[in-house]
C-alpha atoms as a PDB file:
ATOM      1  CA  MET A   1       0.127   0.192  -0.046  1.00  0.00           C
ATOM      2  CA  GLN A   2       1.526   2.936  -1.314  1.00  0.00           C
ATOM      3  CA  GLN A   3       0.359   5.283   1.642  1.00  0.00           C
ATOM      4  CA  TYR A   4       2.087   3.169   4.170  1.00  0.00           C
ATOM      5  CA  LEU A   5       5.230   3.261   2.262  1.00  0.00           C
ATOM      6  CA  ASP A   6       5.286   7.098   1.932  1.00  0.00           C
ATOM      7  CA  LEU A   7       4.636   7.198   5.621  1.00  0.00           C
ATOM      8  CA  VAL A   8       7.795   5.056   6.176  1.00  0.00           C
ATOM      9  CA  ARG A   9       9.760   7.398   4.095  1.00  0.00           C
ATOM     10  CA  LEU A  10       8.463  10.341   5.918  1.00  0.00           C
ATOM     11  CA  VAL A  11       9.650   9.182   9.309  1.00  0.00           C
ATOM     12  CA  MET A  12      12.982   8.123   7.653  1.00  0.00           C
ATOM     13  CA  ASP A  13      13.618  11.328   6.088  1.00  0.00           C
ATOM     14  CA  ARG A  14      12.592  13.858   8.578  1.00  0.00           C
ATOM     15  CA  GLY A  15      12.328  11.830  11.765  1.00  0.00           C
ATOM     16  CA  VAL A  16      14.379  13.164  14.770  1.00  0.00           C
ATOM     17  CA  PHE A  17      16.512  11.175  17.044  1.00  0.00           C
ATOM     18  CA  LYS A  18      14.862  10.430  20.445  1.00  0.00           C
ATOM     19  CA  PRO A  19      15.271   7.916  23.193  1.00  0.00           C
ATOM     20  CA  SER A  20      12.436   6.012  24.298  1.00  0.00           C
ATOM     21  CA  ARG A  21      11.133   4.449  27.607  1.00  0.00           C
ATOM     22  CA  THR A  22      12.079   0.912  26.235  1.00  0.00           C
ATOM     23  CA  GLY A  23      15.545   1.703  26.029  1.00  0.00           C
ATOM     24  CA  VAL A  24      15.689   1.538  22.335  1.00  0.00           C
ATOM     25  CA  ALA A  25      16.226   4.996  20.251  1.00  0.00           C
ATOM     26  CA  THR A  26      13.802   6.116  17.907  1.00  0.00           C
ATOM     27  CA  LEU A  27      13.465   8.166  14.698  1.00  0.00           C
ATOM     28  CA  SER A  28      10.310  10.339  15.749  1.00  0.00           C
ATOM     29  CA  TYR A  29       8.084  12.451  13.698  1.00  0.00           C
ATOM     30  CA  PHE A  30       5.237  14.592  15.185  1.00  0.00           C
ATOM     31  CA  GLY A  31       1.829  14.642  13.866  1.00  0.00           C
ATOM     32  CA  ALA A  32       2.076  12.051  10.797  1.00  0.00           C
ATOM     33  CA  PHE A  33      -1.256  11.498   8.766  1.00  0.00           C
ATOM     34  CA  TYR A  34      -2.407   9.321   6.082  1.00  0.00           C
ATOM     35  CA  ARG A  35      -5.795   8.186   4.529  1.00  0.00           C
ATOM     36  CA  VAL A  36      -6.765   5.127   2.360  1.00  0.00           C
ATOM     37  CA  ASP A  37     -10.069   4.664   0.417  1.00  0.00           C
ATOM     38  CA  LEU A  38     -11.477   1.299   1.765  1.00  0.00           C
ATOM     39  CA  GLY A  39     -13.397   0.923  -1.459  1.00  0.00           C
ATOM     40  CA  GLU A  40     -10.228   0.356  -3.347  1.00  0.00           C
ATOM     41  CA  GLY A  41      -9.672  -2.768  -1.424  1.00  0.00           C
ATOM     42  CA  PHE A  42      -8.817  -4.001   2.237  1.00  0.00           C
ATOM     43  CA  PRO A  43      -5.479  -2.191   3.440  1.00  0.00           C
ATOM     44  CA  LEU A  44      -3.673  -5.050   4.373  1.00  0.00           C
ATOM     45  CA  LEU A  45       0.087  -4.288   3.558  1.00  0.00           C
ATOM     46  CA  THR A  46       1.292  -6.598   0.492  1.00  0.00           C
ATOM     47  CA  THR A  47       5.164  -5.342   0.925  1.00  0.00           C
ATOM     48  CA  LYS A  48       5.357  -7.873   3.646  1.00  0.00           C
ATOM     49  CA  LYS A  49       2.915 -10.460   5.000  1.00  0.00           C
ATOM     50  CA  VAL A  50       0.782  -9.339   7.836  1.00  0.00           C
ATOM     51  CA  ASN A  51      -0.728 -12.086  10.088  1.00  0.00           C
ATOM     52  CA  PHE A  52      -4.506 -11.213   9.581  1.00  0.00           C
ATOM     53  CA  SER A  53      -5.543 -13.882  11.950  1.00  0.00           C
ATOM     54  CA  ALA A  54      -3.886 -12.430  14.679  1.00  0.00           C
ATOM     55  CA  VAL A  55      -5.385  -8.692  13.771  1.00  0.00           C
ATOM     56  CA  LEU A  56      -8.864 -10.379  13.905  1.00  0.00           C
ATOM     57  CA  ARG A  57      -8.371 -12.103  17.132  1.00  0.00           C
ATOM     58  CA  GLU A  58      -7.219  -8.962  18.690  1.00  0.00           C
ATOM     59  CA  LEU A  59     -10.137  -7.044  17.339  1.00  0.00           C
ATOM     60  CA  LEU A  60     -12.878  -9.657  18.416  1.00  0.00           C
ATOM     61  CA  TRP A  61     -11.138  -9.796  21.765  1.00  0.00           C
ATOM     62  CA  TYR A  62     -11.549  -5.942  22.026  1.00  0.00           C
ATOM     63  CA  LEU A  63     -15.166  -6.197  20.963  1.00  0.00           C
ATOM     64  CA  SER A  64     -15.930  -8.763  23.718  1.00  0.00           C
ATOM     65  CA  GLY A  65     -15.087  -6.265  26.394  1.00  0.00           C
ATOM     66  CA  GLU A  66     -12.619  -8.489  28.603  1.00  0.00           C
ATOM     67  CA  GLU A  67     -10.031  -7.278  30.355  1.00  0.00           C
ATOM     68  CA  HIS A  68      -7.962 -10.159  30.812  1.00  0.00           C
ATOM     69  CA  ILE A  69      -5.990 -12.258  27.788  1.00  0.00           C
ATOM     70  CA  ARG A  70      -7.066 -15.862  28.663  1.00  0.00           C
ATOM     71  CA  THR A  71      -9.127 -16.188  25.637  1.00  0.00           C
ATOM     72  CA  LEU A  72      -6.936 -14.160  23.434  1.00  0.00           C
ATOM     73  CA  ARG A  73      -3.891 -16.279  24.648  1.00  0.00           C
ATOM     74  CA  GLN A  74      -5.423 -19.309  23.013  1.00  0.00           C
ATOM     75  CA  HIS A  75      -4.806 -17.783  19.641  1.00  0.00           C
ATOM     76  CA  THR A  76      -2.048 -15.296  19.799  1.00  0.00           C
ATOM     77  CA  LYS A  77       0.541 -13.956  22.535  1.00  0.00           C
ATOM     78  CA  ILE A  78       0.806 -10.184  21.388  1.00  0.00           C
ATOM     79  CA  TRP A  79      -0.484  -8.993  24.734  1.00  0.00           C
ATOM     80  CA  ASP A  80       1.545 -11.232  27.021  1.00  0.00           C
ATOM     81  CA  ASP A  81       4.200  -8.893  27.783  1.00  0.00           C
ATOM     82  CA  TRP A  82       1.769  -6.214  29.407  1.00  0.00           C
ATOM     83  CA  ALA A  83      -0.615  -8.376  31.271  1.00  0.00           C
ATOM     84  CA  ASP A  84       0.157  -9.209  34.890  1.00  0.00           C
ATOM     85  CA  GLU A  85       0.949 -12.976  36.196  1.00  0.00           C
ATOM     86  CA  ARG A  86      -2.944 -13.428  36.442  1.00  0.00           C
ATOM     87  CA  GLY A  87      -3.477 -12.542  32.808  1.00  0.00           C
ATOM     88  CA  GLU A  88      -5.230  -9.354  33.708  1.00  0.00           C
ATOM     89  CA  LEU A  89      -4.591  -6.146  31.585  1.00  0.00           C
ATOM     90  CA  GLU A  90      -5.116  -2.733  32.834  1.00  0.00           C
ATOM     91  CA  THR A  91      -5.606  -1.036  29.929  1.00  0.00           C
ATOM     92  CA  ALA A  92      -7.544  -3.450  27.956  1.00  0.00           C
ATOM     93  CA  TYR A  93      -9.107  -1.452  24.986  1.00  0.00           C
ATOM     94  CA  GLY A  94     -12.306  -3.442  25.080  1.00  0.00           C
ATOM     95  CA  ARG A  95     -13.190  -2.528  28.541  1.00  0.00           C
ATOM     96  CA  TYR A  96     -13.316   0.904  27.696  1.00  0.00           C
ATOM     97  CA  TRP A  97     -14.932   0.457  24.234  1.00  0.00           C
ATOM     98  CA  ARG A  98     -17.594  -1.739  25.932  1.00  0.00           C
ATOM     99  CA  ARG A  99     -17.638  -0.722  29.647  1.00  0.00           C
ATOM    100  CA  PHE A 100     -16.169   2.575  30.026  1.00  0.00           C
ATOM    101  CA  PRO A 101     -16.839   3.743  33.660  1.00  0.00           C
ATOM    102  CA  HIS A 102     -19.034   6.832  34.119  1.00  0.00           C
ATOM    103  CA  PRO A 103     -19.581   8.199  37.703  1.00  0.00           C
ATOM    104  CA  VAL A 104     -23.140   9.286  38.225  1.00  0.00           C
ATOM    105  CA  GLN A 105     -23.630  11.773  41.239  1.00  0.00           C
ATOM    106  CA  LYS A 106     -26.225  10.380  43.529  1.00  0.00           C
ATOM    107  CA  SER A 107     -26.299  13.248  45.932  1.00  0.00           C
ATOM    108  CA  HIS A 108     -25.677  17.061  45.530  1.00  0.00           C
ATOM    109  CA  ALA A 109     -25.305  17.625  49.149  1.00  0.00           C
ATOM    110  CA  PRO A 110     -21.763  16.909  50.321  1.00  0.00           C
ATOM    111  CA  ILE A 111     -21.532  14.278  53.424  1.00  0.00           C
ATOM    112  CA  ALA A 112     -21.218  15.973  56.649  1.00  0.00           C
ATOM    113  CA  HIS A 113     -17.561  16.296  58.088  1.00  0.00           C
ATOM    114  CA  THR A 114     -16.039  14.880  54.769  1.00  0.00           C
ATOM    115  CA  GLY A 115     -17.314  17.128  52.009  1.00  0.00           C
ATOM    116  CA  GLU A 116     -17.667  13.931  49.705  1.00  0.00           C
ATOM    117  CA  ARG A 117     -20.258  13.349  47.280  1.00  0.00           C
ATOM    118  CA  LEU A 118     -22.091   9.859  46.775  1.00  0.00           C
ATOM    119  CA  ALA A 119     -21.752   8.733  43.193  1.00  0.00           C
ATOM    120  CA  GLU A 120     -22.234   5.392  41.364  1.00  0.00           C
ATOM    121  CA  ILE A 121     -20.255   4.074  38.421  1.00  0.00           C
ATOM    122  CA  GLN A 122     -22.355   3.041  35.289  1.00  0.00           C
ATOM    123  CA  GLU A 123     -20.777   1.096  32.432  1.00  0.00           C
ATOM    124  CA  ILE A 124     -21.026   2.787  28.921  1.00  0.00           C
ATOM    125  CA  ASP A 125     -21.171   0.633  25.893  1.00  0.00           C
ATOM    126  CA  GLN A 126     -19.605   2.990  23.433  1.00  0.00           C
ATOM    127  CA  ILE A 127     -19.670   0.488  20.398  1.00  0.00           C
ATOM    128  CA  SER A 128     -23.389  -0.194  20.880  1.00  0.00           C
ATOM    129  CA  TYR A 129     -24.155   3.523  21.173  1.00  0.00           C
ATOM    130  CA  VAL A 130     -22.171   4.454  18.185  1.00  0.00           C
ATOM    131  CA  ILE A 131     -24.003   1.610  16.018  1.00  0.00           C
ATOM    132  CA  ASN A 132     -27.253   2.725  17.543  1.00  0.00           C
ATOM    133  CA  GLU A 133     -26.655   6.492  16.774  1.00  0.00           C
ATOM    134  CA  ILE A 134     -25.641   5.905  12.956  1.00  0.00           C
ATOM    135  CA  LYS A 135     -28.837   3.993  12.583  1.00  0.00           C
ATOM    136  CA  ARG A 136     -30.912   6.677  14.356  1.00  0.00           C
ATOM    137  CA  ASN A 137     -29.131   9.884  13.409  1.00  0.00           C
ATOM    138  CA  PRO A 138     -26.481   9.337  10.621  1.00  0.00           C
ATOM    139  CA  ASN A 139     -25.771  12.980  10.523  1.00  0.00           C
ATOM    140  CA  SER A 140     -24.571  12.999  14.003  1.00  0.00           C
ATOM    141  CA  ARG A 141     -21.139  14.511  14.658  1.00  0.00           C
ATOM    142  CA  ARG A 142     -20.809  12.612  18.037  1.00  0.00           C
ATOM    143  CA  LEU A 143     -19.885   9.262  16.831  1.00  0.00           C
ATOM    144  CA  VAL A 144     -16.934   8.982  19.194  1.00  0.00           C
ATOM    145  CA  VAL A 145     -15.303   6.116  21.026  1.00  0.00           C
ATOM    146  CA  THR A 146     -12.553   6.789  23.613  1.00  0.00           C
ATOM    147  CA  ALA A 147     -10.267   4.191  25.181  1.00  0.00           C
ATOM    148  CA  TRP A 148      -8.714   6.895  27.264  1.00  0.00           C
ATOM    149  CA  GLU A 149      -9.400   7.000  31.017  1.00  0.00           C
ATOM    150  CA  PRO A 150      -7.106   9.816  32.769  1.00  0.00           C
ATOM    151  CA  GLY A 151      -6.758   7.675  36.010  1.00  0.00           C
ATOM    152  CA  ASN A 152      -5.750   4.505  34.289  1.00  0.00           C
ATOM    153  CA  ALA A 153      -3.651   6.304  31.933  1.00  0.00           C
ATOM    154  CA  GLN A 154      -1.559   7.892  34.942  1.00  0.00           C
ATOM    155  CA  THR A 155      -0.959   4.353  36.325  1.00  0.00           C
ATOM    156  CA  SER A 156      -1.117   1.748  33.661  1.00  0.00           C
ATOM    157  CA  ARG A 157       2.110   0.069  32.392  1.00  0.00           C
ATOM    158  CA  LEU A 158       1.079   0.794  28.806  1.00  0.00           C
ATOM    159  CA  PRO A 159      -1.874   3.323  28.370  1.00  0.00           C
ATOM    160  CA  PRO A 160      -3.874   3.080  25.233  1.00  0.00           C
ATOM    161  CA  CYS A 161      -1.857   4.112  22.128  1.00  0.00           C
ATOM    162  CA  HIS A 162      -4.820   4.053  19.684  1.00  0.00           C
ATOM    163  CA  TYR A 163      -6.878   6.045  22.189  1.00  0.00           C
ATOM    164  CA  THR A 164      -9.774   7.597  20.487  1.00  0.00           C
ATOM    165  CA  PHE A 165     -11.639   7.282  17.012  1.00  0.00           C
ATOM    166  CA  ALA A 166     -14.713   8.844  15.251  1.00  0.00           C
ATOM    167  CA  PHE A 167     -17.201   8.105  12.743  1.00  0.00           C
ATOM    168  CA  GLN A 168     -18.734  10.027  10.165  1.00  0.00           C
ATOM    169  CA  VAL A 169     -21.555   9.036   7.575  1.00  0.00           C
ATOM    170  CA  LEU A 170     -21.272  10.975   4.619  1.00  0.00           C
ATOM    171  CA  ASP A 171     -22.825  10.196   0.998  1.00  0.00           C
ATOM    172  CA  GLY A 172     -23.824   6.840   2.137  1.00  0.00           C
ATOM    173  CA  LYS A 173     -20.325   5.921   3.134  1.00  0.00           C
ATOM    174  CA  LEU A 174     -18.991   5.206   6.820  1.00  0.00           C
ATOM    175  CA  ASN A 175     -15.683   7.028   7.493  1.00  0.00           C
ATOM    176  CA  CYS A 176     -13.426   6.301  10.335  1.00  0.00           C
ATOM    177  CA  HIS A 177     -10.728   8.855  11.799  1.00  0.00           C
ATOM    178  CA  LEU A 178      -8.307   7.236  14.325  1.00  0.00           C
ATOM    179  CA  THR A 179      -5.953   9.204  16.503  1.00  0.00           C
ATOM    180  CA  GLN A 180      -2.969   7.583  18.068  1.00  0.00           C
ATOM    181  CA  ARG A 181      -0.575   9.046  20.820  1.00  0.00           C
ATOM    182  CA  SER A 182       2.140   6.488  19.697  1.00  0.00           C
ATOM    183  CA  GLY A 183       2.830   4.391  16.764  1.00  0.00           C
ATOM    184  CA  ASP A 184       5.400   2.039  16.113  1.00  0.00           C
ATOM    185  CA  ILE A 185       5.644   2.329  12.377  1.00  0.00           C
ATOM    186  CA  ALA A 186       7.138  -1.304  11.572  1.00  0.00           C
ATOM    187  CA  LEU A 187       4.994  -3.365  13.741  1.00  0.00           C
ATOM    188  CA  GLY A 188       2.059  -1.542  15.336  1.00  0.00           C
ATOM    189  CA  ILE A 189       0.764   0.702  12.467  1.00  0.00           C
ATOM    190  CA  PRO A 190       0.248  -2.289   9.915  1.00  0.00           C
ATOM    191  CA  PHE A 191      -1.843  -3.881  12.687  1.00  0.00           C
ATOM    192  CA  ASN A 192      -3.799  -0.758  13.722  1.00  0.00           C
ATOM    193  CA  LEU A 193      -4.692   0.011  10.123  1.00  0.00           C
ATOM    194  CA  ALA A 194      -6.061  -3.414   9.370  1.00  0.00           C
ATOM    195  CA  CYS A 195      -7.904  -3.700  12.799  1.00  0.00           C
ATOM    196  CA  TYR A 196      -9.986  -0.169  12.326  1.00  0.00           C
ATOM    197  CA  ALA A 197     -10.349  -0.989   8.566  1.00  0.00           C
ATOM    198  CA  THR A 198     -12.317  -4.211   9.636  1.00  0.00           C
ATOM    199  CA  LEU A 199     -14.092  -2.536  12.500  1.00  0.00           C
ATOM    200  CA  THR A 200     -15.342   0.133   9.895  1.00  0.00           C
ATOM    201  CA  GLN A 201     -16.367  -2.570   7.453  1.00  0.00           C
ATOM    202  CA  MET A 202     -18.263  -4.624  10.371  1.00  0.00           C
ATOM    203  CA  ILE A 203     -20.155  -1.329  11.548  1.00  0.00           C
ATOM    204  CA  ALA A 204     -20.902  -0.062   7.940  1.00  0.00           C
ATOM    205  CA  GLN A 205     -22.605  -3.709   7.016  1.00  0.00           C
ATOM    206  CA  GLU A 206     -24.426  -3.367  10.160  1.00  0.00           C
ATOM    207  CA  CYS A 207     -25.737  -0.077   9.333  1.00  0.00           C
ATOM    208  CA  ASP A 208     -26.493  -0.774   5.751  1.00  0.00           C
ATOM    209  CA  LEU A 209     -23.773   1.784   4.693  1.00  0.00           C
ATOM    210  CA  THR A 210     -20.473   1.221   2.366  1.00  0.00           C
ATOM    211  CA  PRO A 211     -17.097   1.468   3.734  1.00  0.00           C
ATOM    212  CA  GLY A 212     -15.491   5.022   2.998  1.00  0.00           C
ATOM    213  CA  THR A 213     -12.283   6.362   4.125  1.00  0.00           C
ATOM    214  CA  PHE A 214     -10.038   5.523   7.084  1.00  0.00           C
ATOM    215  CA  ALA A 215      -7.935   8.323   8.229  1.00  0.00           C
ATOM    216  CA  HIS A 216      -5.328   8.086  10.643  1.00  0.00           C
ATOM    217  CA  THR A 217      -3.390  10.545  12.997  1.00  0.00           C
ATOM    218  CA  ILE A 218      -0.311   9.643  14.511  1.00  0.00           C
ATOM    219  CA  VAL A 219       1.009  11.958  17.346  1.00  0.00           C
ATOM    220  CA  ASP A 220       4.485  10.375  17.859  1.00  0.00           C
ATOM    221  CA  ALA A 221       5.314   8.201  14.712  1.00  0.00           C
ATOM    222  CA  HIS A 222       8.481   6.328  15.193  1.00  0.00           C
ATOM    223  CA  ILE A 223      10.908   3.753  13.961  1.00  0.00           C
ATOM    224  CA  TYR A 224      12.965   2.046  16.436  1.00  0.00           C
ATOM    225  CA  VAL A 225      16.747   2.299  15.520  1.00  0.00           C
ATOM    226  CA  ALA A 226      19.853   0.753  16.975  1.00  0.00           C
ATOM    227  CA  GLU A 227      23.554   0.686  15.649  1.00  0.00           C
ATOM    228  CA  ALA A 228      24.940  -2.831  14.582  1.00  0.00           C
ATOM    229  CA  GLY A 229      27.029  -4.197  17.012  1.00  0.00           C
ATOM    230  CA  SER A 230      25.287  -2.587  20.149  1.00  0.00           C
ATOM    231  CA  PRO A 231      23.297  -4.377  22.780  1.00  0.00           C
ATOM    232  CA  MET A 232      19.887  -3.227  21.149  1.00  0.00           C
ATOM    233  CA  ALA A 233      20.874  -4.031  17.522  1.00  0.00           C
ATOM    234  CA  ALA A 234      18.236  -6.974  17.404  1.00  0.00           C
ATOM    235  CA  TYR A 235      15.512  -4.139  17.948  1.00  0.00           C
ATOM    236  CA  ASP A 236      16.599  -2.130  14.670  1.00  0.00           C
ATOM    237  CA  HIS A 237      13.622  -1.659  12.290  1.00  0.00           C
ATOM    238  CA  LEU A 238      15.130   0.244   9.665  1.00  0.00           C
ATOM    239  CA  ALA A 239      16.728  -2.673   7.659  1.00  0.00           C
ATOM    240  CA  GLY A 240      13.383  -4.329   7.260  1.00  0.00           C
ATOM    241  CA  LEU A 241      11.661  -1.083   6.424  1.00  0.00           C
ATOM    242  CA  ARG A 242      14.173  -0.468   3.562  1.00  0.00           C
ATOM    243  CA  GLU A 243      13.487  -3.931   2.435  1.00  0.00           C
ATOM    244  CA  GLN A 244       9.687  -3.120   2.150  1.00  0.00           C
ATOM    245  CA  LEU A 245      10.568   0.115   0.452  1.00  0.00           C
ATOM    246  CA  SER A 246      12.293  -2.106  -2.240  1.00  0.00           C
ATOM    247  CA  ARG A 247       9.125  -4.114  -2.964  1.00  0.00           C
ATOM    248  CA  PRO A 248       6.591  -2.891  -5.299  1.00  0.00           C
ATOM    249  CA  PRO A 249       3.058  -3.100  -3.606  1.00  0.00           C
ATOM    250  CA  ARG A 250       0.708  -5.575  -4.943  1.00  0.00           C
ATOM    251  CA  PRO A 251      -3.295  -5.489  -5.522  1.00  0.00           C
ATOM    252  CA  PRO A 252      -4.779  -5.260  -2.220  1.00  0.00           C
ATOM    253  CA  PRO A 253      -7.147  -8.326  -1.100  1.00  0.00           C
ATOM    254  CA  ARG A 254     -10.758  -8.316  -0.139  1.00  0.00           C
ATOM    255  CA  LEU A 255     -12.470  -8.918   3.115  1.00  0.00           C
ATOM    256  CA  SER A 256     -15.855 -10.384   3.128  1.00  0.00           C
ATOM    257  CA  ILE A 257     -17.951 -10.775   6.239  1.00  0.00           C
ATOM    258  CA  ALA A 258     -20.940 -12.684   6.862  1.00  0.00           C
ATOM    259  CA  ARG A 259     -24.324 -11.087   6.974  1.00  0.00           C
ATOM    260  CA  LYS A 260     -24.969 -11.492  10.783  1.00  0.00           C
ATOM    261  CA  PRO A 261     -25.802  -8.956  13.562  1.00  0.00           C
ATOM    262  CA  PHE A 262     -22.835  -7.147  14.745  1.00  0.00           C
ATOM    263  CA  ASP A 263     -22.466  -8.812  18.021  1.00  0.00           C
ATOM    264  CA  GLN A 264     -23.046 -12.313  16.600  1.00  0.00           C
ATOM    265  CA  LEU A 265     -19.924 -12.344  14.429  1.00  0.00           C
ATOM    266  CA  THR A 266     -17.251 -14.933  15.060  1.00  0.00           C
ATOM    267  CA  PHE A 267     -13.957 -15.488  13.562  1.00  0.00           C
ATOM    268  CA  GLU A 268     -15.281 -17.966  11.182  1.00  0.00           C
ATOM    269  CA  ASP A 269     -17.269 -15.336   9.698  1.00  0.00           C
ATOM    270  CA  PHE A 270     -14.479 -13.309   8.052  1.00  0.00           C
ATOM    271  CA  LYS A 271     -12.793 -14.282   4.825  1.00  0.00           C
ATOM    272  CA  LEU A 272      -9.762 -12.622   3.436  1.00  0.00           C
ATOM    273  CA  GLU A 273      -9.806 -12.999  -0.253  1.00  0.00           C
ATOM    274  CA  SER A 274      -6.994 -12.540  -2.756  1.00  0.00           C
ATOM    275  CA  TYR A 275      -4.259 -12.030  -0.404  1.00  0.00           C
ATOM    276  CA  ASP A 276      -0.728 -12.172  -2.266  1.00  0.00           C
ATOM    277  CA  PRO A 277       1.750 -10.427  -0.153  1.00  0.00           C
ATOM    278  CA  HIS A 278       5.520 -10.536  -0.346  1.00  0.00           C
ATOM    279  CA  PRO A 279       7.542 -12.603   2.239  1.00  0.00           C
ATOM    280  CA  PRO A 280       7.310 -11.919   6.046  1.00  0.00           C
ATOM    281  CA  ILE A 281       9.864  -9.571   7.603  1.00  0.00           C
ATOM    282  CA  ALA A 282      10.663 -10.148  11.148  1.00  0.00           C
ATOM    283  CA  PHE A 283      10.732  -7.031  13.547  1.00  0.00           C
ATOM    284  CA  LYS A 284      11.463  -7.396  17.368  1.00  0.00           C
ATOM    285  CA  VAL A 285       8.982  -5.682  19.658  1.00  0.00           C
ATOM    286  CA  ALA A 286      10.566  -3.158  22.237  1.00  0.00           C
ATOM    287  CA  VAL A 287       8.579  -3.840  25.301  1.00  0.00           C
END
């Protein structure tokens, strides 16, 4: 996909050297942006093979609302490094997508001697709200989902990277804009792109719309870099990305989804068709 290759070149050419919390340095670029027309095909990279099975398992896990990785771990271990010994994940995207904690004040009068006010926590299913609102009021400009809960973000080992997304219905098409605070160009962004393209297609189908444009803003778009022979050399991503730049993109695949209610869709209901990528390229994750 040319838009991705242009993003790689942008960060390579204009990125600034910056240390990171992982101990591996990065080339960092502020405010990267690209957009793809989902009508031209499913945007799964062809300049390297992307494990779409893992992408789909991760997305369906998000949509389950689970905050532990027991189910996901049966299929992929991509979240193992950030879960605790019990398999619990402080920042589970699905927890916030489907059960965002909303404090509702029960009393306006402060409790005597403490000044505290009573409140109860309601769980908000943001995904269901967006789907129902698209059906009810497709002209709405409030079709927003967030995974950023400030208290969690201040204490979590890994606060949400792709932390908010918004939909727009225009001319019978469903558009999606994702905002990401931090984006690993080699490893994370191909997954994020495929994940949200799938989610957009799922919701479009549920709402009798056509997938439109996926737009993506990355606040800190970065490539991990390390000198040959250094202790961190295995984490260098430049060589693999240069290899991708040398490969011509191939025609995009197609994704078909069974005609079933949104929350009844399972892994077997998705079929990736005509995916003919170049060989895989291994990139090591900086945890």
